[in-house]
Amino acid sequence: MTRLNLVLLLAVLASAFYVVNLQYESRRLFTELDRAKAEARRLETEHQRLQVEKRAQATPLRVEKIARTQLQMRTATPAITQYVADPAAESVASSAAGSAPAQRGGQP
């Protein structure tokens, strides 16, 4: 009978240690989850702040100001605009124009 009582006592102690360990692990994981949620909120706030800052940096007036001052660019006017013709496009246009009257000539 004493052996049975000793075995039962050991089983109760082992299960008690197991329950205590599970509670400790559960609390540790809950704390870690809470920290992760707080970090996620912080990162989301930072992301939103950076998005606002990006939109502020990309306003047309700011881009134009930087282009004028730092890059020393100026607006394009017809006086400084150069048009470059594409030779391949000209040959296609001329061949299409040459074949169009021939097709129309056959029709009444």
PDB file of N, CA and C in Angstrom:
ATOM      1  N   MET A   1       0.813  -1.190   0.000  1.00  0.00           N
ATOM      2  CA  MET A   1       0.000   0.000   0.000  1.00  0.00           C
ATOM      3  C   MET A   1       0.864   1.264   0.000  1.00  0.00           C
ATOM      4  N   THR A   2       1.955   1.221   0.691  1.00  0.00           N
ATOM      5  CA  THR A   2       2.836   2.377   0.746  1.00  0.00           C
ATOM      6  C   THR A   2       3.439   2.667  -0.622  1.00  0.00           C
ATOM      7  N   ARG A   3       3.713   1.600  -1.355  1.00  0.00           N
ATOM      8  CA  ARG A   3       4.266   1.828  -2.689  1.00  0.00           C
ATOM      9  C   ARG A   3       3.246   2.504  -3.586  1.00  0.00           C
ATOM     10  N   LEU A   4       2.017   2.093  -3.472  1.00  0.00           N
ATOM     11  CA  LEU A   4       0.956   2.702  -4.283  1.00  0.00           C
ATOM     12  C   LEU A   4       0.794   4.174  -3.912  1.00  0.00           C
ATOM     13  N   ASN A   5       0.826   4.446  -2.611  1.00  0.00           N
ATOM     14  CA  ASN A   5       0.724   5.844  -2.166  1.00  0.00           C
ATOM     15  C   ASN A   5       1.912   6.663  -2.667  1.00  0.00           C
ATOM     16  N   LEU A   6       3.094   6.079  -2.642  1.00  0.00           N
ATOM     17  CA  LEU A   6       4.297   6.775  -3.121  1.00  0.00           C
ATOM     18  C   LEU A   6       4.214   7.049  -4.623  1.00  0.00           C
ATOM     19  N   VAL A   7       3.740   6.073  -5.380  1.00  0.00           N
ATOM     20  CA  VAL A   7       3.600   6.239  -6.829  1.00  0.00           C
ATOM     21  C   VAL A   7       2.551   7.306  -7.128  1.00  0.00           C
ATOM     22  N   LEU A   8       1.453   7.284  -6.416  1.00  0.00           N
ATOM     23  CA  LEU A   8       0.409   8.297  -6.613  1.00  0.00           C
ATOM     24  C   LEU A   8       0.909   9.690  -6.229  1.00  0.00           C
ATOM     25  N   LEU A   9       1.690   9.769  -5.144  1.00  0.00           N
ATOM     26  CA  LEU A   9       2.258  11.052  -4.733  1.00  0.00           C
ATOM     27  C   LEU A   9       3.189  11.594  -5.818  1.00  0.00           C
ATOM     28  N   LEU A  10       4.030  10.733  -6.368  1.00  0.00           N
ATOM     29  CA  LEU A  10       4.924  11.156  -7.444  1.00  0.00           C
ATOM     30  C   LEU A  10       4.138  11.597  -8.689  1.00  0.00           C
ATOM     31  N   ALA A  11       3.066  10.906  -9.009  1.00  0.00           N
ATOM     32  CA  ALA A  11       2.237  11.274 -10.162  1.00  0.00           C
ATOM     33  C   ALA A  11       1.575  12.636  -9.947  1.00  0.00           C
ATOM     34  N   VAL A  12       1.102  12.871  -8.729  1.00  0.00           N
ATOM     35  CA  VAL A  12       0.480  14.165  -8.420  1.00  0.00           C
ATOM     36  C   VAL A  12       1.515  15.277  -8.493  1.00  0.00           C
ATOM     37  N   LEU A  13       2.717  15.042  -7.950  1.00  0.00           N
ATOM     38  CA  LEU A  13       3.778  16.054  -8.006  1.00  0.00           C
ATOM     39  C   LEU A  13       4.211  16.326  -9.452  1.00  0.00           C
ATOM     40  N   ALA A  14       4.333  15.286 -10.251  1.00  0.00           N
ATOM     41  CA  ALA A  14       4.721  15.466 -11.656  1.00  0.00           C
ATOM     42  C   ALA A  14       3.660  16.251 -12.409  1.00  0.00           C
ATOM     43  N   SER A  15       2.410  15.928 -12.187  1.00  0.00           N
ATOM     44  CA  SER A  15       1.349  16.673 -12.883  1.00  0.00           C
ATOM     45  C   SER A  15       1.279  18.120 -12.395  1.00  0.00           C
ATOM     46  N   ALA A  16       1.555  18.337 -11.107  1.00  0.00           N
ATOM     47  CA  ALA A  16       1.555  19.706 -10.581  1.00  0.00           C
ATOM     48  C   ALA A  16       2.678  20.520 -11.215  1.00  0.00           C
ATOM     49  N   PHE A  17       3.872  19.926 -11.306  1.00  0.00           N
ATOM     50  CA  PHE A  17       4.982  20.622 -11.974  1.00  0.00           C
ATOM     51  C   PHE A  17       4.659  20.897 -13.442  1.00  0.00           C
ATOM     52  N   TYR A  18       4.023  19.943 -14.081  1.00  0.00           N
ATOM     53  CA  TYR A  18       3.654  20.107 -15.479  1.00  0.00           C
ATOM     54  C   TYR A  18       2.663  21.264 -15.644  1.00  0.00           C
ATOM     55  N   VAL A  19       1.671  21.346 -14.771  1.00  0.00           N
ATOM     56  CA  VAL A  19       0.674  22.429 -14.837  1.00  0.00           C
ATOM     57  C   VAL A  19       1.346  23.773 -14.579  1.00  0.00           C
ATOM     58  N   VAL A  20       2.231  23.842 -13.612  1.00  0.00           N
ATOM     59  CA  VAL A  20       2.937  25.093 -13.311  1.00  0.00           C
ATOM     60  C   VAL A  20       3.788  25.512 -14.503  1.00  0.00           C
ATOM     61  N   ASN A  21       4.470  24.554 -15.115  1.00  0.00           N
ATOM     62  CA  ASN A  21       5.293  24.854 -16.287  1.00  0.00           C
ATOM     63  C   ASN A  21       4.425  25.354 -17.442  1.00  0.00           C
ATOM     64  N   LEU A  22       3.281  24.737 -17.659  1.00  0.00           N
ATOM     65  CA  LEU A  22       2.381  25.175 -18.728  1.00  0.00           C
ATOM     66  C   LEU A  22       1.855  26.589 -18.474  1.00  0.00           C
ATOM     67  N   GLN A  23       1.521  26.894 -17.230  1.00  0.00           N
ATOM     68  CA  GLN A  23       1.052  28.242 -16.907  1.00  0.00           C
ATOM     69  C   GLN A  23       2.153  29.271 -17.141  1.00  0.00           C
ATOM     70  N   TYR A  24       3.371  28.941 -16.740  1.00  0.00           N
ATOM     71  CA  TYR A  24       4.496  29.850 -16.954  1.00  0.00           C
ATOM     72  C   TYR A  24       4.709  30.086 -18.449  1.00  0.00           C
ATOM     73  N   GLU A  25       4.702  29.009 -19.226  1.00  0.00           N
ATOM     74  CA  GLU A  25       4.893  29.124 -20.677  1.00  0.00           C
ATOM     75  C   GLU A  25       3.758  29.923 -21.317  1.00  0.00           C
ATOM     76  N   SER A  26       2.552  29.703 -20.834  1.00  0.00           N
ATOM     77  CA  SER A  26       1.399  30.442 -21.352  1.00  0.00           C
ATOM     78  C   SER A  26       1.539  31.941 -21.072  1.00  0.00           C
ATOM     79  N   ARG A  27       1.939  32.299 -19.893  1.00  0.00           N
ATOM     80  CA  ARG A  27       2.137  33.714 -19.552  1.00  0.00           C
ATOM     81  C   ARG A  27       3.267  34.333 -20.371  1.00  0.00           C
ATOM     82  N   ARG A  28       4.342  33.565 -20.546  1.00  0.00           N
ATOM     83  CA  ARG A  28       5.467  34.060 -21.342  1.00  0.00           C
ATOM     84  C   ARG A  28       5.047  34.302 -22.790  1.00  0.00           C
ATOM     85  N   LEU A  29       4.299  33.378 -23.353  1.00  0.00           N
ATOM     86  CA  LEU A  29       3.834  33.535 -24.738  1.00  0.00           C
ATOM     87  C   LEU A  29       2.837  34.682 -24.867  1.00  0.00           C
ATOM     88  N   PHE A  30       1.977  34.852 -23.852  1.00  0.00           N
ATOM     89  CA  PHE A  30       1.024  35.965 -23.893  1.00  0.00           C
ATOM     90  C   PHE A  30       1.767  37.300 -23.857  1.00  0.00           C
ATOM     91  N   THR A  31       2.800  37.387 -23.024  1.00  0.00           N
ATOM     92  CA  THR A  31       3.598  38.611 -22.960  1.00  0.00           C
ATOM     93  C   THR A  31       4.305  38.867 -24.283  1.00  0.00           C
ATOM     94  N   GLU A  32       4.831  37.811 -24.891  1.00  0.00           N
ATOM     95  CA  GLU A  32       5.497  37.950 -26.185  1.00  0.00           C
ATOM     96  C   GLU A  32       4.509  38.387 -27.269  1.00  0.00           C
ATOM     97  N   LEU A  33       3.306  37.843 -27.232  1.00  0.00           N
ATOM     98  CA  LEU A  33       2.269  38.238 -28.180  1.00  0.00           C
ATOM     99  C   LEU A  33       1.896  39.708 -28.003  1.00  0.00           C
ATOM    100  N   ASP A  34       1.782  40.138 -26.761  1.00  0.00           N
ATOM    101  CA  ASP A  34       1.460  41.539 -26.484  1.00  0.00           C
ATOM    102  C   ASP A  34       2.557  42.462 -27.006  1.00  0.00           C
ATOM    103  N   ARG A  35       3.814  42.074 -26.822  1.00  0.00           N
ATOM    104  CA  ARG A  35       4.924  42.874 -27.350  1.00  0.00           C
ATOM    105  C   ARG A  35       4.890  42.922 -28.874  1.00  0.00           C
ATOM    106  N   ALA A  36       4.583  41.796 -29.493  1.00  0.00           N
ATOM    107  CA  ALA A  36       4.523  41.745 -30.955  1.00  0.00           C
ATOM    108  C   ALA A  36       3.394  42.631 -31.487  1.00  0.00           C
ATOM    109  N   LYS A  37       2.261  42.642 -30.798  1.00  0.00           N
ATOM    110  CA  LYS A  37       1.152  43.510 -31.213  1.00  0.00           C
ATOM    111  C   LYS A  37       1.534  44.982 -31.067  1.00  0.00           C
ATOM    112  N   ALA A  38       2.213  45.315 -29.980  1.00  0.00           N
ATOM    113  CA  ALA A  38       2.652  46.699 -29.783  1.00  0.00           C
ATOM    114  C   ALA A  38       3.651  47.094 -30.869  1.00  0.00           C
ATOM    115  N   GLU A  39       4.548  46.196 -31.222  1.00  0.00           N
ATOM    116  CA  GLU A  39       5.521  46.471 -32.291  1.00  0.00           C
ATOM    117  C   GLU A  39       4.805  46.641 -33.634  1.00  0.00           C
ATOM    118  N   ALA A  40       3.790  45.828 -33.881  1.00  0.00           N
ATOM    119  CA  ALA A  40       3.021  45.946 -35.127  1.00  0.00           C
ATOM    120  C   ALA A  40       2.309  47.296 -35.186  1.00  0.00           C
ATOM    121  N   ARG A  41       1.745  47.732 -34.083  1.00  0.00           N
ATOM    122  CA  ARG A  41       1.091  49.054 -34.048  1.00  0.00           C
ATOM    123  C   ARG A  41       2.104  50.158 -34.296  1.00  0.00           C
ATOM    124  N   ARG A  42       3.285  50.026 -33.687  1.00  0.00           N
ATOM    125  CA  ARG A  42       4.328  51.036 -33.884  1.00  0.00           C
ATOM    126  C   ARG A  42       4.778  51.076 -35.342  1.00  0.00           C
ATOM    127  N   LEU A  43       4.963  49.918 -35.931  1.00  0.00           N
ATOM    128  CA  LEU A  43       5.380  49.866 -37.331  1.00  0.00           C
ATOM    129  C   LEU A  43       4.296  50.400 -38.267  1.00  0.00           C
ATOM    130  N   GLU A  44       3.040  50.128 -37.962  1.00  0.00           N
ATOM    131  CA  GLU A  44       1.946  50.656 -38.787  1.00  0.00           C
ATOM    132  C   GLU A  44       1.898  52.177 -38.701  1.00  0.00           C
ATOM    133  N   THR A  45       2.094  52.716 -37.509  1.00  0.00           N
ATOM    134  CA  THR A  45       2.128  54.168 -37.338  1.00  0.00           C
ATOM    135  C   THR A  45       3.300  54.767 -38.105  1.00  0.00           C
ATOM    136  N   GLU A  46       4.451  54.124 -38.018  1.00  0.00           N
ATOM    137  CA  GLU A  46       5.635  54.586 -38.751  1.00  0.00           C
ATOM    138  C   GLU A  46       5.394  54.533 -40.262  1.00  0.00           C
ATOM    139  N   HIS A  47       4.746  53.470 -40.718  1.00  0.00           N
ATOM    140  CA  HIS A  47       4.445  53.330 -42.142  1.00  0.00           C
ATOM    141  C   HIS A  47       3.519  54.460 -42.615  1.00  0.00           C
ATOM    142  N   GLN A  48       2.495  54.740 -41.838  1.00  0.00           N
ATOM    143  CA  GLN A  48       1.580  55.823 -42.194  1.00  0.00           C
ATOM    144  C   GLN A  48       2.308  57.164 -42.212  1.00  0.00           C
ATOM    145  N   ARG A  49       3.184  57.394 -41.241  1.00  0.00           N
ATOM    146  CA  ARG A  49       3.941  58.642 -41.207  1.00  0.00           C
ATOM    147  C   ARG A  49       4.836  58.766 -42.436  1.00  0.00           C
ATOM    148  N   LEU A  50       5.478  57.670 -42.806  1.00  0.00           N
ATOM    149  CA  LEU A  50       6.342  57.703 -43.985  1.00  0.00           C
ATOM    150  C   LEU A  50       5.547  57.907 -45.273  1.00  0.00           C
ATOM    151  N   GLN A  51       4.344  57.351 -45.343  1.00  0.00           N
ATOM    152  CA  GLN A  51       3.499  57.559 -46.524  1.00  0.00           C
ATOM    153  C   GLN A  51       3.121  59.040 -46.643  1.00  0.00           C
ATOM    154  N   VAL A  52       2.770  59.662 -45.530  1.00  0.00           N
ATOM    155  CA  VAL A  52       2.440  61.092 -45.536  1.00  0.00           C
ATOM    156  C   VAL A  52       3.654  61.906 -45.954  1.00  0.00           C
ATOM    157  N   GLU A  53       4.811  61.547 -45.415  1.00  0.00           N
ATOM    158  CA  GLU A  53       6.037  62.265 -45.758  1.00  0.00           C
ATOM    159  C   GLU A  53       6.379  62.087 -47.239  1.00  0.00           C
ATOM    160  N   LYS A  54       6.162  60.892 -47.760  1.00  0.00           N
ATOM    161  CA  LYS A  54       6.428  60.636 -49.183  1.00  0.00           C
ATOM    162  C   LYS A  54       5.516  61.490 -50.055  1.00  0.00           C
ATOM    163  N   ARG A  55       4.239  61.559 -49.684  1.00  0.00           N
ATOM    164  CA  ARG A  55       3.310  62.401 -50.460  1.00  0.00           C
ATOM    165  C   ARG A  55       3.706  63.874 -50.382  1.00  0.00           C
ATOM    166  N   ALA A  56       4.180  64.298 -49.220  1.00  0.00           N
ATOM    167  CA  ALA A  56       4.594  65.693 -49.066  1.00  0.00           C
ATOM    168  C   ALA A  56       5.837  65.992 -49.895  1.00  0.00           C
ATOM    169  N   GLN A  57       6.743  65.022 -49.984  1.00  0.00           N
ATOM    170  CA  GLN A  57       7.973  65.228 -50.747  1.00  0.00           C
ATOM    171  C   GLN A  57       7.725  65.223 -52.259  1.00  0.00           C
ATOM    172  N   ALA A  58       6.648  64.604 -52.704  1.00  0.00           N
ATOM    173  CA  ALA A  58       6.408  64.444 -54.134  1.00  0.00           C
ATOM    174  C   ALA A  58       5.400  65.444 -54.694  1.00  0.00           C
ATOM    175  N   THR A  59       5.159  66.536 -53.994  1.00  0.00           N
ATOM    176  CA  THR A  59       4.225  67.522 -54.540  1.00  0.00           C
ATOM    177  C   THR A  59       4.836  68.170 -55.776  1.00  0.00           C
ATOM    178  N   PRO A  60       4.006  68.502 -56.760  1.00  0.00           N
ATOM    179  CA  PRO A  60       4.536  69.081 -57.993  1.00  0.00           C
ATOM    180  C   PRO A  60       5.345  70.364 -57.777  1.00  0.00           C
ATOM    181  N   LEU A  61       4.908  71.212 -56.868  1.00  0.00           N
ATOM    182  CA  LEU A  61       5.639  72.457 -56.624  1.00  0.00           C
ATOM    183  C   LEU A  61       7.036  72.180 -56.072  1.00  0.00           C
ATOM    184  N   ARG A  62       7.130  71.224 -55.156  1.00  0.00           N
ATOM    185  CA  ARG A  62       8.441  70.900 -54.586  1.00  0.00           C
ATOM    186  C   ARG A  62       9.356  70.288 -55.642  1.00  0.00           C
ATOM    187  N   VAL A  63       8.812  69.398 -56.463  1.00  0.00           N
ATOM    188  CA  VAL A  63       9.612  68.781 -57.518  1.00  0.00           C
ATOM    189  C   VAL A  63      10.099  69.841 -58.500  1.00  0.00           C
ATOM    190  N   GLU A  64       9.218  70.761 -58.865  1.00  0.00           N
ATOM    191  CA  GLU A  64       9.611  71.822 -59.793  1.00  0.00           C
ATOM    192  C   GLU A  64      10.684  72.719 -59.183  1.00  0.00           C
ATOM    193  N   LYS A  65      10.533  73.042 -57.901  1.00  0.00           N
ATOM    194  CA  LYS A  65      11.521  73.890 -57.230  1.00  0.00           C
ATOM    195  C   LYS A  65      12.892  73.221 -57.214  1.00  0.00           C
ATOM    196  N   ILE A  66      12.922  71.932 -56.881  1.00  0.00           N
ATOM    197  CA  ILE A  66      14.196  71.212 -56.863  1.00  0.00           C
ATOM    198  C   ILE A  66      14.777  71.119 -58.264  1.00  0.00           C
ATOM    199  N   ALA A  67      13.926  70.904 -59.254  1.00  0.00           N
ATOM    200  CA  ALA A  67      14.413  70.824 -60.631  1.00  0.00           C
ATOM    201  C   ALA A  67      15.042  72.142 -61.061  1.00  0.00           C
ATOM    202  N   ARG A  68      14.442  73.238 -60.656  1.00  0.00           N
ATOM    203  CA  ARG A  68      14.992  74.545 -61.029  1.00  0.00           C
ATOM    204  C   ARG A  68      16.276  74.868 -60.271  1.00  0.00           C
ATOM    205  N   THR A  69      16.284  74.620 -58.956  1.00  0.00           N
ATOM    206  CA  THR A  69      17.425  75.045 -58.144  1.00  0.00           C
ATOM    207  C   THR A  69      18.586  74.062 -58.198  1.00  0.00           C
ATOM    208  N   GLN A  70      18.352  72.829 -57.874  1.00  0.00           N
ATOM    209  CA  GLN A  70      19.453  71.876 -57.770  1.00  0.00           C
ATOM    210  C   GLN A  70      19.883  71.329 -59.132  1.00  0.00           C
ATOM    211  N   LEU A  71      18.918  71.042 -59.992  1.00  0.00           N
ATOM    212  CA  LEU A  71      19.246  70.462 -61.299  1.00  0.00           C
ATOM    213  C   LEU A  71      19.386  71.523 -62.382  1.00  0.00           C
ATOM    214  N   GLN A  72      19.038  72.752 -62.046  1.00  0.00           N
ATOM    215  CA  GLN A  72      19.109  73.888 -62.961  1.00  0.00           C
ATOM    216  C   GLN A  72      18.396  73.597 -64.276  1.00  0.00           C
ATOM    217  N   MET A  73      17.184  73.084 -64.141  1.00  0.00           N
ATOM    218  CA  MET A  73      16.360  72.799 -65.311  1.00  0.00           C
ATOM    219  C   MET A  73      15.434  73.979 -65.563  1.00  0.00           C
ATOM    220  N   ARG A  74      14.888  74.060 -66.752  1.00  0.00           N
ATOM    221  CA  ARG A  74      13.938  75.120 -67.072  1.00  0.00           C
ATOM    222  C   ARG A  74      12.813  74.511 -67.891  1.00  0.00           C
ATOM    223  N   THR A  75      11.715  75.237 -67.966  1.00  0.00           N
ATOM    224  CA  THR A  75      10.566  74.711 -68.694  1.00  0.00           C
ATOM    225  C   THR A  75      10.836  74.750 -70.189  1.00  0.00           C
ATOM    226  N   ALA A  76      10.254  73.821 -70.898  1.00  0.00           N
ATOM    227  CA  ALA A  76      10.457  73.741 -72.352  1.00  0.00           C
ATOM    228  C   ALA A  76       9.569  74.762 -73.049  1.00  0.00           C
ATOM    229  N   THR A  77      10.175  75.508 -73.938  1.00  0.00           N
ATOM    230  CA  THR A  77       9.431  76.471 -74.754  1.00  0.00           C
ATOM    231  C   THR A  77       9.583  76.063 -76.209  1.00  0.00           C
ATOM    232  N   PRO A  78       8.697  76.536 -77.086  1.00  0.00           N
ATOM    233  CA  PRO A  78       8.830  76.187 -78.500  1.00  0.00           C
ATOM    234  C   PRO A  78      10.149  76.657 -79.109  1.00  0.00           C
ATOM    235  N   ALA A  79      10.746  77.703 -78.549  1.00  0.00           N
ATOM    236  CA  ALA A  79      11.997  78.217 -79.101  1.00  0.00           C
ATOM    237  C   ALA A  79      13.157  77.240 -78.883  1.00  0.00           C
ATOM    238  N   ILE A  80      13.125  76.455 -77.800  1.00  0.00           N
ATOM    239  CA  ILE A  80      14.240  75.547 -77.529  1.00  0.00           C
ATOM    240  C   ILE A  80      13.879  74.084 -77.809  1.00  0.00           C
ATOM    241  N   THR A  81      12.693  73.838 -78.321  1.00  0.00           N
ATOM    242  CA  THR A  81      12.254  72.472 -78.600  1.00  0.00           C
ATOM    243  C   THR A  81      12.767  72.021 -79.951  1.00  0.00           C
ATOM    244  N   GLN A  82      13.365  70.855 -79.989  1.00  0.00           N
ATOM    245  CA  GLN A  82      13.840  70.277 -81.249  1.00  0.00           C
ATOM    246  C   GLN A  82      13.032  69.019 -81.511  1.00  0.00           C
ATOM    247  N   TYR A  83      12.476  68.917 -82.704  1.00  0.00           N
ATOM    248  CA  TYR A  83      11.706  67.747 -83.092  1.00  0.00           C
ATOM    249  C   TYR A  83      12.583  66.857 -83.954  1.00  0.00           C
ATOM    250  N   VAL A  84      12.615  65.594 -83.663  1.00  0.00           N
ATOM    251  CA  VAL A  84      13.428  64.639 -84.391  1.00  0.00           C
ATOM    252  C   VAL A  84      12.481  63.676 -85.088  1.00  0.00           C
ATOM    253  N   ALA A  85      12.652  63.548 -86.403  1.00  0.00           N
ATOM    254  CA  ALA A  85      11.793  62.655 -87.162  1.00  0.00           C
ATOM    255  C   ALA A  85      12.392  61.265 -87.183  1.00  0.00           C
ATOM    256  N   ASP A  86      11.531  60.259 -87.138  1.00  0.00           N
ATOM    257  CA  ASP A  86      11.962  58.868 -87.184  1.00  0.00           C
ATOM    258  C   ASP A  86      11.964  58.427 -88.647  1.00  0.00           C
ATOM    259  N   PRO A  87      13.126  58.076 -89.224  1.00  0.00           N
ATOM    260  CA  PRO A  87      13.177  57.685 -90.632  1.00  0.00           C
ATOM    261  C   PRO A  87      12.321  56.465 -90.928  1.00  0.00           C
ATOM    262  N   ALA A  88      12.210  55.528 -90.024  1.00  0.00           N
ATOM    263  CA  ALA A  88      11.391  54.341 -90.253  1.00  0.00           C
ATOM    264  C   ALA A  88       9.918  54.712 -90.323  1.00  0.00           C
ATOM    265  N   ALA A  89       9.496  55.631 -89.506  1.00  0.00           N
ATOM    266  CA  ALA A  89       8.096  56.055 -89.527  1.00  0.00           C
ATOM    267  C   ALA A  89       7.797  56.810 -90.814  1.00  0.00           C
ATOM    268  N   GLU A  90       8.744  57.590 -91.306  1.00  0.00           N
ATOM    269  CA  GLU A  90       8.534  58.322 -92.554  1.00  0.00           C
ATOM    270  C   GLU A  90       8.387  57.370 -93.731  1.00  0.00           C
ATOM    271  N   SER A  91       9.214  56.303 -93.772  1.00  0.00           N
ATOM    272  CA  SER A  91       9.125  55.368 -94.890  1.00  0.00           C
ATOM    273  C   SER A  91       7.817  54.590 -94.844  1.00  0.00           C
ATOM    274  N   VAL A  92       7.339  54.259 -93.660  1.00  0.00           N
ATOM    275  CA  VAL A  92       6.056  53.567 -93.540  1.00  0.00           C
ATOM    276  C   VAL A  92       4.928  54.491 -93.956  1.00  0.00           C
ATOM    277  N   ALA A  93       5.002  55.757 -93.553  1.00  0.00           N
ATOM    278  CA  ALA A  93       3.961  56.719 -93.901  1.00  0.00           C
ATOM    279  C   ALA A  93       3.940  56.974 -95.401  1.00  0.00           C
ATOM    280  N   SER A  94       5.117  57.091 -96.019  1.00  0.00           N
ATOM    281  CA  SER A  94       5.159  57.357 -97.459  1.00  0.00           C
ATOM    282  C   SER A  94       4.689  56.146 -98.256  1.00  0.00           C
ATOM    283  N   SER A  95       5.016  54.931 -97.792  1.00  0.00           N
ATOM    284  CA  SER A  95       4.560  53.747 -98.519  1.00  0.00           C
ATOM    285  C   SER A  95       3.063  53.560 -98.348  1.00  0.00           C
ATOM    286  N   ALA A  96       2.522  53.908 -97.217  1.00  0.00           N
ATOM    287  CA  ALA A  96       1.077  53.814 -97.009  1.00  0.00           C
ATOM    288  C   ALA A  96       0.362  54.861 -97.845  1.00  0.00           C
ATOM    289  N   ALA A  97       0.938  56.045 -97.954  1.00  0.00           N
ATOM    290  CA  ALA A  97       0.323  57.106 -98.755  1.00  0.00           C
ATOM    291  C   ALA A  97       0.394  56.748-100.238  1.00  0.00           C
ATOM    292  N   GLY A  98       1.473  56.102-100.675  1.00  0.00           N
ATOM    293  CA  GLY A  98       1.625  55.715-102.077  1.00  0.00           C
ATOM    294  C   GLY A  98       0.688  54.592-102.470  1.00  0.00           C
ATOM    295  N   SER A  99       0.394  53.678-101.585  1.00  0.00           N
ATOM    296  CA  SER A  99      -0.471  52.566-101.923  1.00  0.00           C
ATOM    297  C   SER A  99      -1.939  52.907-101.767  1.00  0.00           C
ATOM    298  N   ALA A 100      -2.277  53.916-101.025  1.00  0.00           N
ATOM    299  CA  ALA A 100      -3.672  54.278-100.823  1.00  0.00           C
ATOM    300  C   ALA A 100      -4.319  54.787-102.117  1.00  0.00           C
ATOM    301  N   PRO A 101      -3.703  55.653-102.924  1.00  0.00           N
ATOM    302  CA  PRO A 101      -4.363  56.084-104.157  1.00  0.00           C
ATOM    303  C   PRO A 101      -4.537  54.958-105.149  1.00  0.00           C
ATOM    304  N   ALA A 102      -3.614  54.005-105.165  1.00  0.00           N
ATOM    305  CA  ALA A 102      -3.725  52.905-106.101  1.00  0.00           C
ATOM    306  C   ALA A 102      -4.935  52.050-105.783  1.00  0.00           C
ATOM    307  N   GLN A 103      -5.223  51.888-104.503  1.00  0.00           N
ATOM    308  CA  GLN A 103      -6.370  51.095-104.133  1.00  0.00           C
ATOM    309  C   GLN A 103      -7.659  51.852-104.460  1.00  0.00           C
ATOM    310  N   ARG A 104      -7.646  53.134-104.253  1.00  0.00           N
ATOM    311  CA  ARG A 104      -8.846  53.912-104.528  1.00  0.00           C
ATOM    312  C   ARG A 104      -9.071  54.062-106.031  1.00  0.00           C
ATOM    313  N   GLY A 105      -7.985  54.009-106.804  1.00  0.00           N
ATOM    314  CA  GLY A 105      -8.110  54.185-108.239  1.00  0.00           C
ATOM    315  C   GLY A 105      -8.915  53.074-108.878  1.00  0.00           C
ATOM    316  N   GLY A 106      -8.905  51.888-108.374  1.00  0.00           N
ATOM    317  CA  GLY A 106      -9.611  50.765-108.938  1.00  0.00           C
ATOM    318  C   GLY A 106     -11.110  50.820-108.658  1.00  0.00           C
ATOM    319  N   GLN A 107     -11.517  51.638-107.718  1.00  0.00           N
ATOM    320  CA  GLN A 107     -12.931  51.711-107.362  1.00  0.00           C
ATOM    321  C   GLN A 107     -13.598  52.838-108.151  1.00  0.00           C
ATOM    322  N   PRO A 108     -14.878  52.675-108.494  1.00  0.00           N
ATOM    323  CA  PRO A 108     -15.577  53.725-109.253  1.00  0.00           C
ATOM    324  C   PRO A 108     -15.868  54.963-108.442  1.00  0.00           C
TER     325      PRO A 108
END
